[in-house]
Amino acid sequence: MPARGVDPRELRAAVEAVLPWLRGEAERPERPVLAAAVRLSLRTLEQIAPGRSVEVRVPPFAAVQCVAGPRHTRGTPPNVVETDPRTWLELATGALGWPEALDGARVTASGSRADLSGLLPVLRF
């Protein structure tokens, strides 16, 4: 079932709420605030790159399937990207580049379609 469209204003507000933390100017936001930023930015990625060939996981908050290509239906997907909430939000806002995240082992990406560099950032500040 396709995801409900993300309201760009809602996305911007959710991510703006965590920007001081991402910049090192504030403590980690409360769980619901962080969860909203992660979930809305992942759903935005899902809208930008519809499909089901790559699963992007940001535990404990969300996982989405995106990128056109062969559809995955059972077991572990062949193309998986996984990272923590802070790294995801840094990637989603352009504060961290895809190559730097991979080189620094801040993201794991397996499979031939698991390169999100052409899809990021999903929101710029």
PDB file of N, CA and C in Angstrom:
ATOM      1  N   MET A   1       0.840  -1.174   0.000  1.00  0.00           N
ATOM      2  CA  MET A   1       0.000   0.000   0.000  1.00  0.00           C
ATOM      3  C   MET A   1       0.884   1.236   0.000  1.00  0.00           C
ATOM      4  N   PRO A   2       0.681   2.174  -0.901  1.00  0.00           N
ATOM      5  CA  PRO A   2       1.524   3.364  -0.954  1.00  0.00           C
ATOM      6  C   PRO A   2       1.370   4.215   0.298  1.00  0.00           C
ATOM      7  N   ALA A   3       2.454   4.846   0.660  1.00  0.00           N
ATOM      8  CA  ALA A   3       2.453   5.705   1.846  1.00  0.00           C
ATOM      9  C   ALA A   3       1.652   6.973   1.572  1.00  0.00           C
ATOM     10  N   ARG A   4       1.026   7.468   2.619  1.00  0.00           N
ATOM     11  CA  ARG A   4       0.334   8.758   2.526  1.00  0.00           C
ATOM     12  C   ARG A   4       1.385   9.817   2.234  1.00  0.00           C
ATOM     13  N   GLY A   5       1.029  10.776   1.385  1.00  0.00           N
ATOM     14  CA  GLY A   5       1.974  11.822   1.029  1.00  0.00           C
ATOM     15  C   GLY A   5       2.417  12.625   2.236  1.00  0.00           C
ATOM     16  N   VAL A   6       3.671  13.025   2.231  1.00  0.00           N
ATOM     17  CA  VAL A   6       4.227  13.820   3.324  1.00  0.00           C
ATOM     18  C   VAL A   6       4.008  15.294   3.023  1.00  0.00           C
ATOM     19  N   ASP A   7       3.452  15.993   3.994  1.00  0.00           N
ATOM     20  CA  ASP A   7       3.273  17.437   3.890  1.00  0.00           C
ATOM     21  C   ASP A   7       4.652  18.073   4.075  1.00  0.00           C
ATOM     22  N   PRO A   8       5.151  18.816   3.086  1.00  0.00           N
ATOM     23  CA  PRO A   8       6.488  19.406   3.195  1.00  0.00           C
ATOM     24  C   PRO A   8       6.659  20.310   4.421  1.00  0.00           C
ATOM     25  N   ARG A   9       5.598  20.991   4.812  1.00  0.00           N
ATOM     26  CA  ARG A   9       5.683  21.848   6.011  1.00  0.00           C
ATOM     27  C   ARG A   9       5.834  21.005   7.274  1.00  0.00           C
ATOM     28  N   GLU A  10       5.131  19.890   7.314  1.00  0.00           N
ATOM     29  CA  GLU A  10       5.232  18.983   8.461  1.00  0.00           C
ATOM     30  C   GLU A  10       6.641  18.386   8.531  1.00  0.00           C
ATOM     31  N   LEU A  11       7.175  17.998   7.389  1.00  0.00           N
ATOM     32  CA  LEU A  11       8.545  17.470   7.334  1.00  0.00           C
ATOM     33  C   LEU A  11       9.537  18.516   7.819  1.00  0.00           C
ATOM     34  N   ARG A  12       9.443  19.718   7.282  1.00  0.00           N
ATOM     35  CA  ARG A  12      10.381  20.785   7.654  1.00  0.00           C
ATOM     36  C   ARG A  12      10.307  21.074   9.151  1.00  0.00           C
ATOM     37  N   ALA A  13       9.112  21.163   9.699  1.00  0.00           N
ATOM     38  CA  ALA A  13       8.956  21.446  11.130  1.00  0.00           C
ATOM     39  C   ALA A  13       9.547  20.320  11.981  1.00  0.00           C
ATOM     40  N   ALA A  14       9.308  19.079  11.582  1.00  0.00           N
ATOM     41  CA  ALA A  14       9.830  17.936  12.346  1.00  0.00           C
ATOM     42  C   ALA A  14      11.355  17.916  12.337  1.00  0.00           C
ATOM     43  N   VAL A  15      11.942  18.186  11.192  1.00  0.00           N
ATOM     44  CA  VAL A  15      13.402  18.161  11.096  1.00  0.00           C
ATOM     45  C   VAL A  15      14.011  19.389  11.766  1.00  0.00           C
ATOM     46  N   GLU A  16      13.383  20.538  11.634  1.00  0.00           N
ATOM     47  CA  GLU A  16      13.890  21.738  12.318  1.00  0.00           C
ATOM     48  C   GLU A  16      13.958  21.529  13.830  1.00  0.00           C
ATOM     49  N   ALA A  17      13.045  20.740  14.367  1.00  0.00           N
ATOM     50  CA  ALA A  17      13.025  20.486  15.807  1.00  0.00           C
ATOM     51  C   ALA A  17      14.254  19.718  16.291  1.00  0.00           C
ATOM     52  N   VAL A  18      14.919  18.987  15.389  1.00  0.00           N
ATOM     53  CA  VAL A  18      16.098  18.211  15.792  1.00  0.00           C
ATOM     54  C   VAL A  18      17.413  18.831  15.309  1.00  0.00           C
ATOM     55  N   LEU A  19      17.335  19.904  14.533  1.00  0.00           N
ATOM     56  CA  LEU A  19      18.563  20.515  13.997  1.00  0.00           C
ATOM     57  C   LEU A  19      19.559  20.942  15.072  1.00  0.00           C
ATOM     58  N   PRO A  20      19.125  21.551  16.175  1.00  0.00           N
ATOM     59  CA  PRO A  20      20.123  21.916  17.195  1.00  0.00           C
ATOM     60  C   PRO A  20      20.909  20.702  17.704  1.00  0.00           C
ATOM     61  N   TRP A  21      20.248  19.568  17.849  1.00  0.00           N
ATOM     62  CA  TRP A  21      20.930  18.338  18.262  1.00  0.00           C
ATOM     63  C   TRP A  21      21.907  17.875  17.186  1.00  0.00           C
ATOM     64  N   LEU A  22      21.483  17.906  15.927  1.00  0.00           N
ATOM     65  CA  LEU A  22      22.359  17.479  14.839  1.00  0.00           C
ATOM     66  C   LEU A  22      23.601  18.356  14.747  1.00  0.00           C
ATOM     67  N   ARG A  23      23.455  19.620  15.096  1.00  0.00           N
ATOM     68  CA  ARG A  23      24.582  20.565  15.046  1.00  0.00           C
ATOM     69  C   ARG A  23      25.430  20.534  16.309  1.00  0.00           C
ATOM     70  N   GLY A  24      25.046  19.716  17.281  1.00  0.00           N
ATOM     71  CA  GLY A  24      25.804  19.632  18.534  1.00  0.00           C
ATOM     72  C   GLY A  24      25.514  20.761  19.495  1.00  0.00           C
ATOM     73  N   GLU A  25      24.395  21.443  19.306  1.00  0.00           N
ATOM     74  CA  GLU A  25      24.040  22.596  20.134  1.00  0.00           C
ATOM     75  C   GLU A  25      23.018  22.268  21.205  1.00  0.00           C
ATOM     76  N   ALA A  26      22.529  21.054  21.244  1.00  0.00           N
ATOM     77  CA  ALA A  26      21.486  20.679  22.199  1.00  0.00           C
ATOM     78  C   ALA A  26      21.584  19.189  22.507  1.00  0.00           C
ATOM     79  N   GLU A  27      20.922  18.800  23.573  1.00  0.00           N
ATOM     80  CA  GLU A  27      20.846  17.391  23.950  1.00  0.00           C
ATOM     81  C   GLU A  27      19.961  16.646  22.950  1.00  0.00           C
ATOM     82  N   ARG A  28      20.048  15.323  22.995  1.00  0.00           N
ATOM     83  CA  ARG A  28      19.203  14.481  22.140  1.00  0.00           C
ATOM     84  C   ARG A  28      17.734  14.831  22.399  1.00  0.00           C
ATOM     85  N   PRO A  29      16.953  15.002  21.326  1.00  0.00           N
ATOM     86  CA  PRO A  29      15.540  15.337  21.498  1.00  0.00           C
ATOM     87  C   PRO A  29      14.772  14.177  22.141  1.00  0.00           C
ATOM     88  N   GLU A  30      13.613  14.496  22.655  1.00  0.00           N
ATOM     89  CA  GLU A  30      12.751  13.454  23.200  1.00  0.00           C
ATOM     90  C   GLU A  30      12.378  12.478  22.088  1.00  0.00           C
ATOM     91  N   ARG A  31      12.123  11.249  22.490  1.00  0.00           N
ATOM     92  CA  ARG A  31      11.861  10.173  21.540  1.00  0.00           C
ATOM     93  C   ARG A  31      10.774  10.515  20.502  1.00  0.00           C
ATOM     94  N   PRO A  32       9.613  11.055  20.888  1.00  0.00           N
ATOM     95  CA  PRO A  32       8.588  11.350  19.876  1.00  0.00           C
ATOM     96  C   PRO A  32       9.029  12.400  18.851  1.00  0.00           C
ATOM     97  N   VAL A  33       9.836  13.352  19.282  1.00  0.00           N
ATOM     98  CA  VAL A  33      10.333  14.401  18.382  1.00  0.00           C
ATOM     99  C   VAL A  33      11.299  13.784  17.370  1.00  0.00           C
ATOM    100  N   LEU A  34      12.209  12.973  17.860  1.00  0.00           N
ATOM    101  CA  LEU A  34      13.182  12.304  16.990  1.00  0.00           C
ATOM    102  C   LEU A  34      12.482  11.328  16.049  1.00  0.00           C
ATOM    103  N   ALA A  35      11.533  10.581  16.572  1.00  0.00           N
ATOM    104  CA  ALA A  35      10.796   9.615  15.755  1.00  0.00           C
ATOM    105  C   ALA A  35      10.069  10.307  14.608  1.00  0.00           C
ATOM    106  N   ALA A  36       9.451  11.437  14.873  1.00  0.00           N
ATOM    107  CA  ALA A  36       8.721  12.160  13.818  1.00  0.00           C
ATOM    108  C   ALA A  36       9.662  12.597  12.704  1.00  0.00           C
ATOM    109  N   ALA A  37      10.817  13.116  13.060  1.00  0.00           N
ATOM    110  CA  ALA A  37      11.780  13.564  12.044  1.00  0.00           C
ATOM    111  C   ALA A  37      12.266  12.392  11.199  1.00  0.00           C
ATOM    112  N   VAL A  38      12.570  11.285  11.848  1.00  0.00           N
ATOM    113  CA  VAL A  38      13.053  10.100  11.113  1.00  0.00           C
ATOM    114  C   VAL A  38      11.956   9.556  10.210  1.00  0.00           C
ATOM    115  N   ARG A  39      10.781   9.365  10.753  1.00  0.00           N
ATOM    116  CA  ARG A  39       9.695   8.753   9.966  1.00  0.00           C
ATOM    117  C   ARG A  39       9.279   9.609   8.780  1.00  0.00           C
ATOM    118  N   LEU A  40       9.133  10.903   8.996  1.00  0.00           N
ATOM    119  CA  LEU A  40       8.725  11.768   7.888  1.00  0.00           C
ATOM    120  C   LEU A  40       9.800  11.862   6.810  1.00  0.00           C
ATOM    121  N   SER A  41      11.061  11.902   7.212  1.00  0.00           N
ATOM    122  CA  SER A  41      12.130  11.975   6.203  1.00  0.00           C
ATOM    123  C   SER A  41      12.254  10.658   5.441  1.00  0.00           C
ATOM    124  N   LEU A  42      12.044   9.533   6.116  1.00  0.00           N
ATOM    125  CA  LEU A  42      12.051   8.247   5.404  1.00  0.00           C
ATOM    126  C   LEU A  42      10.870   8.138   4.444  1.00  0.00           C
ATOM    127  N   ARG A  43       9.714   8.588   4.865  1.00  0.00           N
ATOM    128  CA  ARG A  43       8.553   8.560   3.972  1.00  0.00           C
ATOM    129  C   ARG A  43       8.763   9.478   2.774  1.00  0.00           C
ATOM    130  N   THR A  44       9.487  10.564   2.977  1.00  0.00           N
ATOM    131  CA  THR A  44       9.813  11.449   1.861  1.00  0.00           C
ATOM    132  C   THR A  44      10.726  10.732   0.873  1.00  0.00           C
ATOM    133  N   LEU A  45      11.727  10.002   1.384  1.00  0.00           N
ATOM    134  CA  LEU A  45      12.589   9.203   0.506  1.00  0.00           C
ATOM    135  C   LEU A  45      11.748   8.205  -0.281  1.00  0.00           C
ATOM    136  N   GLU A  46      10.800   7.580   0.380  1.00  0.00           N
ATOM    137  CA  GLU A  46       9.915   6.610  -0.260  1.00  0.00           C
ATOM    138  C   GLU A  46       9.124   7.258  -1.397  1.00  0.00           C
ATOM    139  N   GLN A  47       8.714   8.514  -1.223  1.00  0.00           N
ATOM    140  CA  GLN A  47       7.999   9.247  -2.274  1.00  0.00           C
ATOM    141  C   GLN A  47       8.921   9.632  -3.419  1.00  0.00           C
ATOM    142  N   ILE A  48      10.150  10.037  -3.084  1.00  0.00           N
ATOM    143  CA  ILE A  48      11.110  10.462  -4.105  1.00  0.00           C
ATOM    144  C   ILE A  48      11.527   9.295  -4.986  1.00  0.00           C
ATOM    145  N   ALA A  49      11.680   8.123  -4.370  1.00  0.00           N
ATOM    146  CA  ALA A  49      12.169   6.944  -5.087  1.00  0.00           C
ATOM    147  C   ALA A  49      11.217   5.776  -4.876  1.00  0.00           C
ATOM    148  N   PRO A  50      10.023   5.825  -5.483  1.00  0.00           N
ATOM    149  CA  PRO A  50       9.072   4.739  -5.267  1.00  0.00           C
ATOM    150  C   PRO A  50       9.605   3.417  -5.810  1.00  0.00           C
ATOM    151  N   GLY A  51       9.270   2.373  -5.121  1.00  0.00           N
ATOM    152  CA  GLY A  51       9.688   1.037  -5.514  1.00  0.00           C
ATOM    153  C   GLY A  51       9.836   0.167  -4.283  1.00  0.00           C
ATOM    154  N   ARG A  52      10.321  -1.043  -4.498  1.00  0.00           N
ATOM    155  CA  ARG A  52      10.436  -1.972  -3.383  1.00  0.00           C
ATOM    156  C   ARG A  52      11.716  -2.794  -3.461  1.00  0.00           C
ATOM    157  N   SER A  53      12.748  -2.274  -4.113  1.00  0.00           N
ATOM    158  CA  SER A  53      13.961  -3.077  -4.256  1.00  0.00           C
ATOM    159  C   SER A  53      15.001  -2.815  -3.167  1.00  0.00           C
ATOM    160  N   VAL A  54      14.862  -1.739  -2.407  1.00  0.00           N
ATOM    161  CA  VAL A  54      15.815  -1.416  -1.343  1.00  0.00           C
ATOM    162  C   VAL A  54      15.029  -1.170  -0.056  1.00  0.00           C
ATOM    163  N   GLU A  55      15.498  -1.772   1.013  1.00  0.00           N
ATOM    164  CA  GLU A  55      14.891  -1.491   2.316  1.00  0.00           C
ATOM    165  C   GLU A  55      15.847  -0.600   3.094  1.00  0.00           C
ATOM    166  N   VAL A  56      15.335   0.528   3.575  1.00  0.00           N
ATOM    167  CA  VAL A  56      16.125   1.466   4.370  1.00  0.00           C
ATOM    168  C   VAL A  56      15.609   1.371   5.800  1.00  0.00           C
ATOM    169  N   ARG A  57      16.509   0.994   6.704  1.00  0.00           N
ATOM    170  CA  ARG A  57      16.142   0.770   8.101  1.00  0.00           C
ATOM    171  C   ARG A  57      16.829   1.785   9.003  1.00  0.00           C
ATOM    172  N   VAL A  58      16.042   2.406   9.874  1.00  0.00           N
ATOM    173  CA  VAL A  58      16.567   3.309  10.886  1.00  0.00           C
ATOM    174  C   VAL A  58      15.941   2.884  12.222  1.00  0.00           C
ATOM    175  N   PRO A  59      16.524   1.840  12.823  1.00  0.00           N
ATOM    176  CA  PRO A  59      15.962   1.367  14.087  1.00  0.00           C
ATOM    177  C   PRO A  59      16.191   2.376  15.195  1.00  0.00           C
ATOM    178  N   PRO A  60      15.300   2.490  16.126  1.00  0.00           N
ATOM    179  CA  PRO A  60      14.087   1.689  16.327  1.00  0.00           C
ATOM    180  C   PRO A  60      12.848   2.330  15.727  1.00  0.00           C
ATOM    181  N   PHE A  61      13.004   3.311  14.861  1.00  0.00           N
ATOM    182  CA  PHE A  61      11.868   4.123  14.453  1.00  0.00           C
ATOM    183  C   PHE A  61      11.127   3.680  13.197  1.00  0.00           C
ATOM    184  N   ALA A  62      11.822   3.273  12.161  1.00  0.00           N
ATOM    185  CA  ALA A  62      11.104   2.982  10.917  1.00  0.00           C
ATOM    186  C   ALA A  62      11.990   2.257   9.919  1.00  0.00           C
ATOM    187  N   ALA A  63      11.309   1.674   8.947  1.00  0.00           N
ATOM    188  CA  ALA A  63      11.954   1.093   7.774  1.00  0.00           C
ATOM    189  C   ALA A  63      11.008   1.314   6.605  1.00  0.00           C
ATOM    190  N   VAL A  64      11.575   1.616   5.451  1.00  0.00           N
ATOM    191  CA  VAL A  64      10.769   1.794   4.245  1.00  0.00           C
ATOM    192  C   VAL A  64      11.401   1.023   3.106  1.00  0.00           C
ATOM    193  N   GLN A  65      10.581   0.691   2.135  1.00  0.00           N
ATOM    194  CA  GLN A  65      11.087   0.110   0.903  1.00  0.00           C
ATOM    195  C   GLN A  65      10.946   1.161  -0.185  1.00  0.00           C
ATOM    196  N   CYS A  66      11.985   1.266  -0.995  1.00  0.00           N
ATOM    197  CA  CYS A  66      11.999   2.283  -2.036  1.00  0.00           C
ATOM    198  C   CYS A  66      12.880   1.816  -3.185  1.00  0.00           C
ATOM    199  N   VAL A  67      13.051   2.620  -4.171  1.00  0.00           N
ATOM    200  CA  VAL A  67      13.877   2.429  -5.363  1.00  0.00           C
ATOM    201  C   VAL A  67      13.259   1.374  -6.292  1.00  0.00           C
ATOM    202  N   ALA A  68      13.021   1.788  -7.506  1.00  0.00           N
ATOM    203  CA  ALA A  68      12.457   0.897  -8.514  1.00  0.00           C
ATOM    204  C   ALA A  68      13.409  -0.250  -8.807  1.00  0.00           C
ATOM    205  N   GLY A  69      12.844  -1.377  -9.135  1.00  0.00           N
ATOM    206  CA  GLY A  69      13.634  -2.555  -9.458  1.00  0.00           C
ATOM    207  C   GLY A  69      12.907  -3.800  -9.024  1.00  0.00           C
ATOM    208  N   PRO A  70      13.619  -4.905  -8.978  1.00  0.00           N
ATOM    209  CA  PRO A  70      12.973  -6.164  -8.591  1.00  0.00           C
ATOM    210  C   PRO A  70      12.366  -6.057  -7.198  1.00  0.00           C
ATOM    211  N   ARG A  71      11.146  -6.518  -7.083  1.00  0.00           N
ATOM    212  CA  ARG A  71      10.413  -6.436  -5.819  1.00  0.00           C
ATOM    213  C   ARG A  71      10.844  -7.561  -4.890  1.00  0.00           C
ATOM    214  N   HIS A  72      11.021  -7.198  -3.639  1.00  0.00           N
ATOM    215  CA  HIS A  72      11.364  -8.173  -2.609  1.00  0.00           C
ATOM    216  C   HIS A  72      10.092  -8.564  -1.863  1.00  0.00           C
ATOM    217  N   THR A  73       9.891  -9.875  -1.624  1.00  0.00           N
ATOM    218  CA  THR A  73       8.666 -10.286  -0.951  1.00  0.00           C
ATOM    219  C   THR A  73       8.882 -11.079   0.337  1.00  0.00           C
ATOM    220  N   ARG A  74       9.977 -11.826   0.488  1.00  0.00           N
ATOM    221  CA  ARG A  74      10.158 -12.645   1.691  1.00  0.00           C
ATOM    222  C   ARG A  74      11.607 -12.661   2.142  1.00  0.00           C
ATOM    223  N   GLY A  75      11.775 -12.882   3.446  1.00  0.00           N
ATOM    224  CA  GLY A  75      13.124 -13.014   3.994  1.00  0.00           C
ATOM    225  C   GLY A  75      13.868 -11.697   4.004  1.00  0.00           C
ATOM    226  N   THR A  76      15.173 -11.786   4.139  1.00  0.00           N
ATOM    227  CA  THR A  76      16.012 -10.600   4.160  1.00  0.00           C
ATOM    228  C   THR A  76      16.130 -10.044   2.749  1.00  0.00           C
ATOM    229  N   PRO A  77      15.835  -8.766   2.573  1.00  0.00           N
ATOM    230  CA  PRO A  77      15.948  -8.179   1.232  1.00  0.00           C
ATOM    231  C   PRO A  77      17.394  -8.212   0.732  1.00  0.00           C
ATOM    232  N   PRO A  78      17.587  -8.313  -0.581  1.00  0.00           N
ATOM    233  CA  PRO A  78      18.946  -8.335  -1.114  1.00  0.00           C
ATOM    234  C   PRO A  78      19.643  -6.979  -1.061  1.00  0.00           C
ATOM    235  N   ASN A  79      18.881  -5.897  -0.957  1.00  0.00           N
ATOM    236  CA  ASN A  79      19.432  -4.549  -0.920  1.00  0.00           C
ATOM    237  C   ASN A  79      18.945  -3.862   0.354  1.00  0.00           C
ATOM    238  N   VAL A  80      19.867  -3.663   1.294  1.00  0.00           N
ATOM    239  CA  VAL A  80      19.501  -3.108   2.589  1.00  0.00           C
ATOM    240  C   VAL A  80      20.450  -1.980   2.961  1.00  0.00           C
ATOM    241  N   VAL A  81      19.871  -0.900   3.459  1.00  0.00           N
ATOM    242  CA  VAL A  81      20.633   0.209   4.026  1.00  0.00           C
ATOM    243  C   VAL A  81      20.176   0.323   5.472  1.00  0.00           C
ATOM    244  N   GLU A  82      21.133   0.390   6.395  1.00  0.00           N
ATOM    245  CA  GLU A  82      20.764   0.531   7.802  1.00  0.00           C
ATOM    246  C   GLU A  82      21.700   1.519   8.481  1.00  0.00           C
ATOM    247  N   THR A  83      21.110   2.357   9.326  1.00  0.00           N
ATOM    248  CA  THR A  83      21.888   3.342  10.067  1.00  0.00           C
ATOM    249  C   THR A  83      21.121   3.766  11.310  1.00  0.00           C
ATOM    250  N   ASP A  84      21.761   4.557  12.130  1.00  0.00           N
ATOM    251  CA  ASP A  84      21.138   5.072  13.342  1.00  0.00           C
ATOM    252  C   ASP A  84      20.383   6.370  13.019  1.00  0.00           C
ATOM    253  N   PRO A  85      19.510   6.819  13.929  1.00  0.00           N
ATOM    254  CA  PRO A  85      18.707   8.013  13.657  1.00  0.00           C
ATOM    255  C   PRO A  85      19.525   9.270  13.365  1.00  0.00           C
ATOM    256  N   ARG A  86      20.577   9.512  14.105  1.00  0.00           N
ATOM    257  CA  ARG A  86      21.373  10.723  13.881  1.00  0.00           C
ATOM    258  C   ARG A  86      22.021  10.704  12.490  1.00  0.00           C
ATOM    259  N   THR A  87      22.639   9.599  12.147  1.00  0.00           N
ATOM    260  CA  THR A  87      23.276   9.502  10.831  1.00  0.00           C
ATOM    261  C   THR A  87      22.246   9.666   9.723  1.00  0.00           C
ATOM    262  N   TRP A  88      21.091   9.008   9.876  1.00  0.00           N
ATOM    263  CA  TRP A  88      20.057   9.150   8.856  1.00  0.00           C
ATOM    264  C   TRP A  88      19.659  10.611   8.670  1.00  0.00           C
ATOM    265  N   LEU A  89      19.415  11.300   9.771  1.00  0.00           N
ATOM    266  CA  LEU A  89      18.988  12.697   9.660  1.00  0.00           C
ATOM    267  C   LEU A  89      20.090  13.588   9.103  1.00  0.00           C
ATOM    268  N   GLU A  90      21.337  13.290   9.407  1.00  0.00           N
ATOM    269  CA  GLU A  90      22.444  14.038   8.804  1.00  0.00           C
ATOM    270  C   GLU A  90      22.492  13.787   7.299  1.00  0.00           C
ATOM    271  N   LEU A  91      22.273  12.554   6.881  1.00  0.00           N
ATOM    272  CA  LEU A  91      22.223  12.246   5.448  1.00  0.00           C
ATOM    273  C   LEU A  91      21.014  12.922   4.796  1.00  0.00           C
ATOM    274  N   ALA A  92      19.868  12.835   5.456  1.00  0.00           N
ATOM    275  CA  ALA A  92      18.620  13.371   4.903  1.00  0.00           C
ATOM    276  C   ALA A  92      18.664  14.883   4.733  1.00  0.00           C
ATOM    277  N   THR A  93      19.456  15.568   5.561  1.00  0.00           N
ATOM    278  CA  THR A  93      19.541  17.037   5.480  1.00  0.00           C
ATOM    279  C   THR A  93      20.778  17.530   4.738  1.00  0.00           C
ATOM    280  N   GLY A  94      21.634  16.634   4.324  1.00  0.00           N
ATOM    281  CA  GLY A  94      22.840  17.035   3.608  1.00  0.00           C
ATOM    282  C   GLY A  94      23.996  17.428   4.503  1.00  0.00           C
ATOM    283  N   ALA A  95      23.854  17.237   5.817  1.00  0.00           N
ATOM    284  CA  ALA A  95      24.944  17.558   6.738  1.00  0.00           C
ATOM    285  C   ALA A  95      26.065  16.525   6.657  1.00  0.00           C
ATOM    286  N   LEU A  96      25.766  15.366   6.102  1.00  0.00           N
ATOM    287  CA  LEU A  96      26.731  14.277   5.932  1.00  0.00           C
ATOM    288  C   LEU A  96      26.547  13.707   4.545  1.00  0.00           C
ATOM    289  N   GLY A  97      27.636  13.480   3.859  1.00  0.00           N
ATOM    290  CA  GLY A  97      27.576  12.893   2.527  1.00  0.00           C
ATOM    291  C   GLY A  97      27.568  11.377   2.587  1.00  0.00           C
ATOM    292  N   TRP A  98      26.990  10.764   1.571  1.00  0.00           N
ATOM    293  CA  TRP A  98      26.922   9.305   1.486  1.00  0.00           C
ATOM    294  C   TRP A  98      28.306   8.656   1.547  1.00  0.00           C
ATOM    295  N   PRO A  99      29.292   9.130   0.763  1.00  0.00           N
ATOM    296  CA  PRO A  99      30.616   8.495   0.823  1.00  0.00           C
ATOM    297  C   PRO A  99      31.241   8.575   2.217  1.00  0.00           C
ATOM    298  N   GLU A 100      31.077   9.714   2.884  1.00  0.00           N
ATOM    299  CA  GLU A 100      31.637   9.878   4.230  1.00  0.00           C
ATOM    300  C   GLU A 100      30.954   8.937   5.220  1.00  0.00           C
ATOM    301  N   ALA A 101      29.655   8.769   5.087  1.00  0.00           N
ATOM    302  CA  ALA A 101      28.921   7.861   5.976  1.00  0.00           C
ATOM    303  C   ALA A 101      29.388   6.425   5.783  1.00  0.00           C
ATOM    304  N   LEU A 102      29.601   6.028   4.534  1.00  0.00           N
ATOM    305  CA  LEU A 102      30.103   4.673   4.267  1.00  0.00           C
ATOM    306  C   LEU A 102      31.530   4.501   4.769  1.00  0.00           C
ATOM    307  N   ASP A 103      32.387   5.465   4.440  1.00  0.00           N
ATOM    308  CA  ASP A 103      33.800   5.383   4.855  1.00  0.00           C
ATOM    309  C   ASP A 103      33.945   5.362   6.368  1.00  0.00           C
ATOM    310  N   GLY A 104      33.082   6.071   7.068  1.00  0.00           N
ATOM    311  CA  GLY A 104      33.141   6.128   8.520  1.00  0.00           C
ATOM    312  C   GLY A 104      32.371   5.006   9.200  1.00  0.00           C
ATOM    313  N   ALA A 105      31.868   4.063   8.418  1.00  0.00           N
ATOM    314  CA  ALA A 105      31.087   2.928   8.926  1.00  0.00           C
ATOM    315  C   ALA A 105      29.875   3.394   9.733  1.00  0.00           C
ATOM    316  N   ARG A 106      29.299   4.508   9.347  1.00  0.00           N
ATOM    317  CA  ARG A 106      28.103   5.022  10.022  1.00  0.00           C
ATOM    318  C   ARG A 106      26.833   4.507   9.366  1.00  0.00           C
ATOM    319  N   VAL A 107      26.980   3.896   8.210  1.00  0.00           N
ATOM    320  CA  VAL A 107      25.858   3.299   7.499  1.00  0.00           C
ATOM    321  C   VAL A 107      26.348   1.995   6.886  1.00  0.00           C
ATOM    322  N   THR A 108      25.476   0.989   6.873  1.00  0.00           N
ATOM    323  CA  THR A 108      25.800  -0.236   6.147  1.00  0.00           C
ATOM    324  C   THR A 108      24.880  -0.299   4.943  1.00  0.00           C
ATOM    325  N   ALA A 109      25.445  -0.678   3.829  1.00  0.00           N
ATOM    326  CA  ALA A 109      24.680  -0.773   2.594  1.00  0.00           C
ATOM    327  C   ALA A 109      25.106  -2.043   1.876  1.00  0.00           C
ATOM    328  N   SER A 110      24.159  -2.951   1.692  1.00  0.00           N
ATOM    329  CA  SER A 110      24.478  -4.195   1.003  1.00  0.00           C
ATOM    330  C   SER A 110      23.553  -4.344  -0.198  1.00  0.00           C
ATOM    331  N   GLY A 111      24.100  -4.865  -1.254  1.00  0.00           N
ATOM    332  CA  GLY A 111      23.332  -5.079  -2.472  1.00  0.00           C
ATOM    333  C   GLY A 111      23.678  -4.060  -3.540  1.00  0.00           C
ATOM    334  N   SER A 112      23.431  -4.447  -4.771  1.00  0.00           N
ATOM    335  CA  SER A 112      23.818  -3.616  -5.911  1.00  0.00           C
ATOM    336  C   SER A 112      22.991  -2.345  -6.058  1.00  0.00           C
ATOM    337  N   ARG A 113      21.829  -2.266  -5.441  1.00  0.00           N
ATOM    338  CA  ARG A 113      20.968  -1.087  -5.555  1.00  0.00           C
ATOM    339  C   ARG A 113      20.973  -0.231  -4.293  1.00  0.00           C
ATOM    340  N   ALA A 114      21.811  -0.558  -3.330  1.00  0.00           N
ATOM    341  CA  ALA A 114      21.776   0.091  -2.019  1.00  0.00           C
ATOM    342  C   ALA A 114      22.591   1.381  -1.938  1.00  0.00           C
ATOM    343  N   ASP A 115      22.785   2.046  -3.040  1.00  0.00           N
ATOM    344  CA  ASP A 115      23.496   3.331  -3.053  1.00  0.00           C
ATOM    345  C   ASP A 115      22.469   4.449  -3.124  1.00  0.00           C
ATOM    346  N   LEU A 116      22.319   5.191  -2.031  1.00  0.00           N
ATOM    347  CA  LEU A 116      21.333   6.260  -1.975  1.00  0.00           C
ATOM    348  C   LEU A 116      21.911   7.633  -2.306  1.00  0.00           C
ATOM    349  N   SER A 117      23.149   7.680  -2.724  1.00  0.00           N
ATOM    350  CA  SER A 117      23.813   8.976  -2.926  1.00  0.00           C
ATOM    351  C   SER A 117      23.065   9.892  -3.888  1.00  0.00           C
ATOM    352  N   GLY A 118      22.435   9.360  -4.900  1.00  0.00           N
ATOM    353  CA  GLY A 118      21.709  10.186  -5.855  1.00  0.00           C
ATOM    354  C   GLY A 118      20.343  10.651  -5.363  1.00  0.00           C
ATOM    355  N   LEU A 119      19.917  10.143  -4.214  1.00  0.00           N
ATOM    356  CA  LEU A 119      18.597  10.485  -3.683  1.00  0.00           C
ATOM    357  C   LEU A 119      18.660  11.405  -2.467  1.00  0.00           C
ATOM    358  N   LEU A 120      19.848  11.628  -1.967  1.00  0.00           N
ATOM    359  CA  LEU A 120      20.028  12.432  -0.758  1.00  0.00           C
ATOM    360  C   LEU A 120      20.688  13.756  -1.088  1.00  0.00           C
ATOM    361  N   PRO A 121      20.409  14.787  -0.342  1.00  0.00           N
ATOM    362  CA  PRO A 121      19.492  14.879   0.788  1.00  0.00           C
ATOM    363  C   PRO A 121      18.042  14.961   0.329  1.00  0.00           C
ATOM    364  N   VAL A 122      17.124  14.663   1.241  1.00  0.00           N
ATOM    365  CA  VAL A 122      15.705  14.781   0.930  1.00  0.00           C
ATOM    366  C   VAL A 122      15.164  16.148   1.334  1.00  0.00           C
ATOM    367  N   LEU A 123      15.946  16.882   2.127  1.00  0.00           N
ATOM    368  CA  LEU A 123      15.560  18.215   2.598  1.00  0.00           C
ATOM    369  C   LEU A 123      16.821  19.013   2.889  1.00  0.00           C
ATOM    370  N   ARG A 124      16.852  20.239   2.425  1.00  0.00           N
ATOM    371  CA  ARG A 124      18.033  21.094   2.663  1.00  0.00           C
ATOM    372  C   ARG A 124      17.691  22.242   3.580  1.00  0.00           C
ATOM    373  N   PHE A 125      18.691  22.623   4.392  1.00  0.00           N
ATOM    374  CA  PHE A 125      18.550  23.781   5.268  1.00  0.00           C
ATOM    375  C   PHE A 125      19.662  24.750   4.992  1.00  0.00           C
TER     376      PHE A 125
END
